[in-house]
């Protein structure tokens, strides 16, 4: 009582080209965001601190250890 199933032929996906002019602002935004994030995780403490106190340091404390930054 089983019926053989016939699958449709596989259709290869067609690659879509993304123009650099469209991609460039997103790459710039991601780069700036990455640098800001790296600053807050890696250097936001001490004399160079933008936000006073230990709030940012304690908030990203475990992330600093995971990324290999010394913080003690």
Protein backbone atom coordinates (compact mmCIF):
# COMPACT_ATOMS: atom_id res chain seq x y z
CA UNK A 1 0.00 0.00 0.00
CA UNK A 2 2.95 2.30 -0.18
CA UNK A 3 3.11 4.59 -3.12
CA UNK A 4 6.42 5.67 -4.55
CA UNK A 5 6.97 9.39 -4.26
CA UNK A 6 8.42 11.37 -7.08
CA UNK A 7 10.37 14.43 -6.04
CA UNK A 8 10.64 17.52 -8.15
CA UNK A 9 13.98 18.10 -9.84
CA UNK A 10 16.41 20.13 -7.75
CA UNK A 11 16.65 23.76 -8.73
CA UNK A 12 20.03 25.37 -8.21
CA UNK A 13 19.89 28.69 -6.35
CA UNK A 14 20.79 31.70 -8.43
CA UNK A 15 23.46 33.91 -6.79
CA UNK A 16 22.44 37.54 -6.42
CA UNK A 17 25.13 40.18 -6.76
CA UNK A 18 25.06 42.89 -4.09
CA UNK A 19 26.61 46.12 -5.36
CA UNK A 20 29.43 47.60 -3.26
CA UNK A 21 27.67 50.97 -3.25
CA UNK A 22 24.80 49.38 -1.33
CA UNK A 23 27.04 47.35 0.95
CA UNK A 24 29.58 50.07 1.86
CA UNK A 25 27.45 52.02 4.39
CA UNK A 26 26.58 48.82 6.25
CA UNK A 27 30.24 47.79 6.38
CA UNK A 28 31.23 51.22 7.68
CA UNK A 29 28.48 51.12 10.32
CA UNK A 30 29.48 47.61 11.44
CA UNK A 31 33.16 48.64 11.61
CA UNK A 32 32.47 51.72 13.74
CA UNK A 33 30.15 49.74 16.00
CA UNK A 34 32.82 47.04 16.39
CA UNK A 35 35.51 49.57 17.31
CA UNK A 36 33.23 51.24 19.88
CA UNK A 37 32.32 47.86 21.36
CA UNK A 38 35.98 46.84 21.50
CA UNK A 39 36.82 50.12 23.27
CA UNK A 40 34.15 49.62 25.93
CA UNK A 41 35.13 46.01 26.52
CA UNK A 42 38.88 46.53 26.39
CA UNK A 43 39.75 50.03 27.53
CA UNK A 44 36.83 51.60 29.38
CA UNK A 45 38.48 52.00 32.75
CA UNK A 46 40.92 54.22 34.58
CA UNK A 47 42.07 57.57 33.20
CA UNK A 48 40.63 56.97 29.73
CA UNK A 49 37.17 56.26 31.12
CA UNK A 50 34.30 57.98 29.32
CA UNK A 51 31.75 56.94 31.95
CA UNK A 52 32.86 57.56 35.54
CA UNK A 53 32.91 54.69 38.00
CA UNK A 54 33.16 50.94 37.61
CA UNK A 55 29.73 50.36 36.03
CA UNK A 56 30.92 49.59 32.51
CA UNK A 57 33.90 47.59 33.78
CA UNK A 58 31.71 45.34 35.92
CA UNK A 59 29.07 45.02 33.19
CA UNK A 60 31.59 43.63 30.66
CA UNK A 61 33.86 41.92 33.21
CA UNK A 62 33.33 38.32 32.04
CA UNK A 63 33.55 39.36 28.40
CA UNK A 64 36.94 40.92 29.11
CA UNK A 65 38.21 37.62 30.47
CA UNK A 66 36.79 35.67 27.52
CA UNK A 67 38.54 38.01 25.07
CA UNK A 68 41.83 37.77 26.96
CA UNK A 69 41.97 41.30 28.40
CA UNK A 70 43.59 41.55 31.83
CA UNK A 71 41.46 43.51 34.25
CA UNK A 72 42.87 42.89 37.73
